[in-house]
Amino acid sequence: MAREQFQTLTEPMYYILMALSEECCGVDIMERVRQISGGRVKVGPGTLYTMLSKFEENQIISLTKEEGRRKSYVITEHGRELLLAEHERLCIMLSDWNGYFDKNLLYYCSRDEEKENER
């Protein structure tokens, strides 16, 4: 079930798993996601704790420490495999984009210029 449910990762999922390459707690995960993405991705507490629960249920992350309400997690080997598979999927998509537009970009640019000249 985990493989089907996590066939592709959302952007927050991807960054949360990246953040968990080192053990950290919820507040630290939110900060690490912000740092890793250069501030572009922000994960709120609702999203984060929902994802952490689902990830833990599916052995994608594991609980490493619990001090009161503060819990720390780290990515598991299974989680690393999912993260790597998603990274490879994104790289393939980018390669497809580059291959397609390397061949066709001049066509699209010349069409845009023609439309501008018609105005």
N, C-alpha and C. Protein backbone atom coordinates (compact mmCIF):
# COMPACT_ATOMS: atom_id res chain seq x y z
N MET A 1 0.82 -1.20 0.00
CA MET A 1 0.00 0.00 0.00
C MET A 1 0.86 1.26 0.00
N ALA A 2 1.94 1.28 0.77
CA ALA A 2 2.78 2.47 0.86
C ALA A 2 3.32 2.86 -0.50
N ARG A 3 3.74 1.88 -1.29
CA ARG A 3 4.31 2.20 -2.60
C ARG A 3 3.27 2.86 -3.49
N GLU A 4 2.02 2.34 -3.46
CA GLU A 4 0.97 2.94 -4.28
C GLU A 4 0.61 4.33 -3.77
N GLN A 5 0.44 4.45 -2.45
CA GLN A 5 0.05 5.72 -1.87
C GLN A 5 1.13 6.78 -2.09
N PHE A 6 2.37 6.38 -2.06
CA PHE A 6 3.48 7.31 -2.19
C PHE A 6 4.21 7.12 -3.52
N GLN A 7 3.46 6.74 -4.55
CA GLN A 7 4.04 6.53 -5.89
C GLN A 7 4.76 7.80 -6.35
N THR A 8 4.12 8.93 -6.14
CA THR A 8 4.76 10.22 -6.37
C THR A 8 4.60 11.03 -5.10
N LEU A 9 5.56 11.86 -4.81
CA LEU A 9 5.53 12.66 -3.60
C LEU A 9 5.12 14.09 -3.93
N THR A 10 4.33 14.68 -3.06
CA THR A 10 4.03 16.10 -3.21
C THR A 10 5.29 16.87 -2.84
N GLU A 11 5.30 18.13 -3.17
CA GLU A 11 6.47 18.96 -2.85
C GLU A 11 6.74 18.98 -1.33
N PRO A 12 5.73 19.20 -0.48
CA PRO A 12 6.01 19.15 0.96
C PRO A 12 6.55 17.79 1.42
N MET A 13 6.00 16.69 0.89
CA MET A 13 6.49 15.36 1.25
C MET A 13 7.97 15.22 0.91
N TYR A 14 8.32 15.64 -0.28
CA TYR A 14 9.70 15.54 -0.77
C TYR A 14 10.66 16.27 0.16
N TYR A 15 10.30 17.50 0.52
CA TYR A 15 11.17 18.31 1.36
C TYR A 15 11.20 17.82 2.81
N ILE A 16 10.08 17.31 3.31
CA ILE A 16 10.06 16.75 4.66
C ILE A 16 11.02 15.56 4.73
N LEU A 17 10.97 14.69 3.74
CA LEU A 17 11.87 13.53 3.74
C LEU A 17 13.33 13.96 3.59
N MET A 18 13.58 14.98 2.79
CA MET A 18 14.94 15.49 2.69
C MET A 18 15.41 15.99 4.05
N ALA A 19 14.55 16.72 4.74
CA ALA A 19 14.90 17.26 6.06
C ALA A 19 15.21 16.15 7.05
N LEU A 20 14.54 15.02 6.89
CA LEU A 20 14.72 13.91 7.83
C LEU A 20 15.91 13.01 7.49
N SER A 21 16.78 13.47 6.61
CA SER A 21 18.03 12.74 6.39
C SER A 21 18.88 12.79 7.66
N GLU A 22 18.56 13.73 8.53
CA GLU A 22 19.15 13.81 9.86
C GLU A 22 18.01 13.85 10.87
N GLU A 23 18.22 13.26 12.01
CA GLU A 23 17.19 13.23 13.05
C GLU A 23 16.79 14.65 13.43
N CYS A 24 15.48 14.89 13.48
CA CYS A 24 15.00 16.17 13.98
C CYS A 24 13.53 16.09 14.39
N CYS A 25 13.10 17.09 15.14
CA CYS A 25 11.72 17.16 15.62
C CYS A 25 10.91 18.07 14.70
N GLY A 26 9.61 18.16 14.95
CA GLY A 26 8.70 18.90 14.09
C GLY A 26 9.11 20.33 13.78
N VAL A 27 9.41 21.10 14.82
CA VAL A 27 9.80 22.50 14.61
C VAL A 27 11.07 22.58 13.76
N ASP A 28 12.01 21.70 14.04
CA ASP A 28 13.25 21.68 13.27
C ASP A 28 13.01 21.25 11.82
N ILE A 29 12.07 20.34 11.61
CA ILE A 29 11.74 19.91 10.24
C ILE A 29 11.22 21.10 9.44
N MET A 30 10.29 21.86 10.03
CA MET A 30 9.74 23.03 9.33
C MET A 30 10.84 24.01 8.96
N GLU A 31 11.78 24.24 9.86
CA GLU A 31 12.89 25.15 9.60
C GLU A 31 13.82 24.59 8.53
N ARG A 32 14.11 23.31 8.60
CA ARG A 32 15.01 22.70 7.61
C ARG A 32 14.38 22.72 6.22
N VAL A 33 13.08 22.47 6.11
CA VAL A 33 12.39 22.55 4.81
C VAL A 33 12.55 23.95 4.24
N ARG A 34 12.35 24.96 5.08
CA ARG A 34 12.49 26.34 4.64
C ARG A 34 13.92 26.60 4.17
N GLN A 35 14.91 26.12 4.92
CA GLN A 35 16.31 26.32 4.55
C GLN A 35 16.67 25.58 3.26
N ILE A 36 16.30 24.32 3.17
CA ILE A 36 16.64 23.51 2.00
C ILE A 36 16.07 24.13 0.72
N SER A 37 14.85 24.67 0.82
CA SER A 37 14.17 25.22 -0.36
C SER A 37 14.48 26.70 -0.57
N GLY A 38 15.35 27.26 0.22
CA GLY A 38 15.66 28.68 0.10
C GLY A 38 14.47 29.56 0.43
N GLY A 39 13.58 29.08 1.29
CA GLY A 39 12.40 29.84 1.70
C GLY A 39 11.21 29.68 0.78
N ARG A 40 11.37 28.97 -0.31
CA ARG A 40 10.30 28.81 -1.28
C ARG A 40 9.19 27.91 -0.77
N VAL A 41 9.53 26.88 0.01
CA VAL A 41 8.54 25.93 0.52
C VAL A 41 8.42 26.12 2.03
N LYS A 42 7.18 26.31 2.47
CA LYS A 42 6.90 26.41 3.90
C LYS A 42 5.87 25.35 4.23
N VAL A 43 6.15 24.57 5.26
CA VAL A 43 5.24 23.51 5.69
C VAL A 43 4.66 23.92 7.03
N GLY A 44 3.33 24.01 7.09
CA GLY A 44 2.67 24.36 8.34
C GLY A 44 2.53 23.15 9.24
N PRO A 45 2.22 23.38 10.51
CA PRO A 45 2.10 22.28 11.47
C PRO A 45 1.05 21.24 11.08
N GLY A 46 -0.10 21.67 10.57
CA GLY A 46 -1.15 20.71 10.19
C GLY A 46 -0.67 19.74 9.13
N THR A 47 -0.07 20.28 8.08
CA THR A 47 0.47 19.45 7.00
C THR A 47 1.59 18.56 7.53
N LEU A 48 2.49 19.15 8.29
CA LEU A 48 3.64 18.40 8.78
C LEU A 48 3.23 17.21 9.63
N TYR A 49 2.39 17.44 10.63
CA TYR A 49 2.07 16.34 11.55
C TYR A 49 1.19 15.28 10.90
N THR A 50 0.37 15.67 9.93
CA THR A 50 -0.38 14.68 9.15
C THR A 50 0.58 13.80 8.36
N MET A 51 1.56 14.43 7.71
CA MET A 51 2.54 13.68 6.91
C MET A 51 3.40 12.79 7.80
N LEU A 52 3.85 13.31 8.93
CA LEU A 52 4.68 12.50 9.82
C LEU A 52 3.94 11.25 10.27
N SER A 53 2.66 11.40 10.57
CA SER A 53 1.85 10.26 11.00
C SER A 53 1.75 9.22 9.88
N LYS A 54 1.45 9.68 8.65
CA LYS A 54 1.34 8.76 7.52
C LYS A 54 2.68 8.10 7.20
N PHE A 55 3.74 8.89 7.24
CA PHE A 55 5.07 8.34 6.98
C PHE A 55 5.45 7.28 8.01
N GLU A 56 5.16 7.56 9.27
CA GLU A 56 5.51 6.60 10.32
C GLU A 56 4.69 5.32 10.18
N GLU A 57 3.39 5.44 9.87
CA GLU A 57 2.53 4.27 9.66
C GLU A 57 3.08 3.36 8.57
N ASN A 58 3.68 3.96 7.57
CA ASN A 58 4.17 3.21 6.40
C ASN A 58 5.67 2.94 6.44
N GLN A 59 6.27 3.07 7.61
CA GLN A 59 7.70 2.80 7.83
C GLN A 59 8.61 3.61 6.90
N ILE A 60 8.18 4.81 6.55
CA ILE A 60 8.99 5.69 5.71
C ILE A 60 9.92 6.51 6.60
N ILE A 61 9.45 6.78 7.82
CA ILE A 61 10.27 7.42 8.84
C ILE A 61 10.11 6.60 10.12
N SER A 62 11.01 6.81 11.06
CA SER A 62 10.85 6.14 12.35
C SER A 62 11.04 7.15 13.48
N LEU A 63 10.29 6.94 14.53
CA LEU A 63 10.40 7.74 15.73
C LEU A 63 11.70 7.36 16.43
N THR A 64 12.52 8.35 16.74
CA THR A 64 13.81 8.05 17.37
C THR A 64 13.86 8.48 18.83
N LYS A 65 13.05 9.49 19.16
CA LYS A 65 13.11 10.03 20.51
C LYS A 65 11.77 10.67 20.85
N GLU A 66 11.35 10.51 22.09
CA GLU A 66 10.11 11.14 22.54
C GLU A 66 10.35 11.72 23.92
N GLU A 67 10.30 13.03 24.01
CA GLU A 67 10.49 13.74 25.28
C GLU A 67 9.26 14.61 25.51
N GLY A 68 8.32 14.11 26.30
CA GLY A 68 7.05 14.82 26.48
C GLY A 68 6.30 14.81 25.16
N ARG A 69 5.93 16.00 24.70
CA ARG A 69 5.22 16.10 23.42
C ARG A 69 6.19 16.21 22.24
N ARG A 70 7.43 16.40 22.52
CA ARG A 70 8.44 16.58 21.46
C ARG A 70 8.91 15.21 20.96
N LYS A 71 8.70 14.98 19.65
CA LYS A 71 9.11 13.72 19.04
C LYS A 71 10.13 14.01 17.94
N SER A 72 11.13 13.16 17.87
CA SER A 72 12.14 13.28 16.81
C SER A 72 12.03 12.07 15.89
N TYR A 73 12.31 12.32 14.62
CA TYR A 73 12.19 11.29 13.59
C TYR A 73 13.42 11.28 12.71
N VAL A 74 13.57 10.19 11.96
CA VAL A 74 14.61 10.09 10.93
C VAL A 74 14.05 9.23 9.80
N ILE A 75 14.53 9.47 8.60
CA ILE A 75 14.08 8.70 7.44
C ILE A 75 14.61 7.26 7.55
N THR A 76 13.82 6.30 7.12
CA THR A 76 14.23 4.89 7.11
C THR A 76 14.84 4.55 5.75
N GLU A 77 15.35 3.35 5.63
CA GLU A 77 15.88 2.89 4.34
C GLU A 77 14.77 2.88 3.30
N HIS A 78 13.59 2.44 3.69
CA HIS A 78 12.43 2.45 2.78
C HIS A 78 12.12 3.89 2.34
N GLY A 79 12.18 4.81 3.28
CA GLY A 79 11.95 6.22 2.96
C GLY A 79 13.00 6.77 2.00
N ARG A 80 14.25 6.38 2.22
CA ARG A 80 15.33 6.81 1.30
C ARG A 80 15.08 6.29 -0.11
N GLU A 81 14.60 5.05 -0.20
CA GLU A 81 14.30 4.48 -1.52
C GLU A 81 13.19 5.27 -2.21
N LEU A 82 12.14 5.64 -1.46
CA LEU A 82 11.05 6.44 -2.04
C LEU A 82 11.56 7.81 -2.47
N LEU A 83 12.37 8.44 -1.63
CA LEU A 83 12.91 9.76 -1.95
C LEU A 83 13.79 9.70 -3.19
N LEU A 84 14.63 8.69 -3.28
CA LEU A 84 15.50 8.52 -4.45
C LEU A 84 14.67 8.26 -5.71
N ALA A 85 13.64 7.42 -5.59
CA ALA A 85 12.77 7.14 -6.74
C ALA A 85 12.09 8.42 -7.22
N GLU A 86 11.65 9.25 -6.29
CA GLU A 86 11.02 10.52 -6.67
C GLU A 86 12.03 11.45 -7.32
N HIS A 87 13.23 11.49 -6.78
CA HIS A 87 14.28 12.32 -7.36
C HIS A 87 14.56 11.88 -8.81
N GLU A 88 14.66 10.58 -9.01
CA GLU A 88 14.91 10.06 -10.36
C GLU A 88 13.76 10.39 -11.29
N ARG A 89 12.52 10.29 -10.80
CA ARG A 89 11.34 10.62 -11.61
C ARG A 89 11.38 12.10 -12.03
N LEU A 90 11.72 12.97 -11.09
CA LEU A 90 11.80 14.40 -11.40
C LEU A 90 12.92 14.70 -12.39
N CYS A 91 14.05 14.01 -12.25
CA CYS A 91 15.17 14.20 -13.19
C CYS A 91 14.78 13.77 -14.60
N ILE A 92 14.06 12.67 -14.70
CA ILE A 92 13.59 12.19 -16.02
C ILE A 92 12.65 13.22 -16.64
N MET A 93 11.75 13.76 -15.83
CA MET A 93 10.83 14.78 -16.35
C MET A 93 11.59 16.01 -16.83
N LEU A 94 12.58 16.43 -16.07
CA LEU A 94 13.39 17.59 -16.47
C LEU A 94 14.17 17.29 -17.75
N SER A 95 14.69 16.10 -17.85
CA SER A 95 15.41 15.69 -19.06
C SER A 95 14.48 15.69 -20.27
N ASP A 96 13.26 15.18 -20.07
CA ASP A 96 12.28 15.20 -21.16
C ASP A 96 11.97 16.63 -21.57
N TRP A 97 11.79 17.50 -20.60
CA TRP A 97 11.52 18.92 -20.87
C TRP A 97 12.66 19.52 -21.70
N ASN A 98 13.87 19.32 -21.22
CA ASN A 98 15.03 19.89 -21.91
C ASN A 98 15.17 19.32 -23.32
N GLY A 99 14.99 18.02 -23.47
CA GLY A 99 15.10 17.41 -24.79
C GLY A 99 14.04 17.93 -25.74
N TYR A 100 12.83 18.09 -25.24
CA TYR A 100 11.73 18.56 -26.08
C TYR A 100 11.94 20.02 -26.47
N PHE A 101 12.23 20.85 -25.49
CA PHE A 101 12.32 22.27 -25.79
C PHE A 101 13.63 22.66 -26.44
N ASP A 102 14.68 21.86 -26.29
CA ASP A 102 15.89 22.13 -27.05
C ASP A 102 15.59 22.04 -28.54
N LYS A 103 14.73 21.09 -28.90
CA LYS A 103 14.38 20.89 -30.30
C LYS A 103 13.30 21.86 -30.77
N ASN A 104 12.39 22.22 -29.89
CA ASN A 104 11.21 22.97 -30.29
C ASN A 104 11.16 24.41 -29.82
N LEU A 105 12.07 24.83 -28.99
CA LEU A 105 12.01 26.17 -28.43
C LEU A 105 12.10 27.24 -29.51
N LEU A 106 12.98 27.04 -30.48
CA LEU A 106 13.10 28.03 -31.55
C LEU A 106 11.78 28.19 -32.29
N TYR A 107 11.08 27.09 -32.50
CA TYR A 107 9.78 27.13 -33.17
C TYR A 107 8.81 27.98 -32.37
N TYR A 108 8.72 27.73 -31.06
CA TYR A 108 7.78 28.47 -30.22
C TYR A 108 8.17 29.94 -30.12
N CYS A 109 9.46 30.23 -30.01
CA CYS A 109 9.91 31.62 -29.94
C CYS A 109 9.60 32.36 -31.24
N SER A 110 9.83 31.72 -32.38
CA SER A 110 9.57 32.38 -33.66
C SER A 110 8.07 32.61 -33.84
N ARG A 111 7.22 31.70 -33.35
CA ARG A 111 5.77 31.89 -33.42
C ARG A 111 5.34 33.07 -32.56
N ASP A 112 5.95 33.21 -31.38
CA ASP A 112 5.62 34.34 -30.51
C ASP A 112 6.02 35.65 -31.17
N GLU A 113 7.18 35.67 -31.83
CA GLU A 113 7.63 36.88 -32.52
C GLU A 113 6.70 37.22 -33.67
N GLU A 114 6.24 36.21 -34.41
CA GLU A 114 5.31 36.44 -35.51
C GLU A 114 4.01 37.05 -35.00
N LYS A 115 3.51 36.56 -33.89
CA LYS A 115 2.27 37.10 -33.31
C LYS A 115 2.47 38.55 -32.90
N GLU A 116 3.64 38.87 -32.32
CA GLU A 116 3.94 40.24 -31.92
C GLU A 116 3.96 41.15 -33.14
N ASN A 117 4.58 40.68 -34.23
CA ASN A 117 4.69 41.50 -35.44
C ASN A 117 3.35 41.73 -36.10
N GLU A 118 2.40 40.80 -35.91
CA GLU A 118 1.07 40.94 -36.51
C GLU A 118 0.26 42.03 -35.82
N ARG A 119 0.62 42.37 -34.60
CA ARG A 119 -0.16 43.36 -33.83
C ARG A 119 0.14 44.75 -34.23
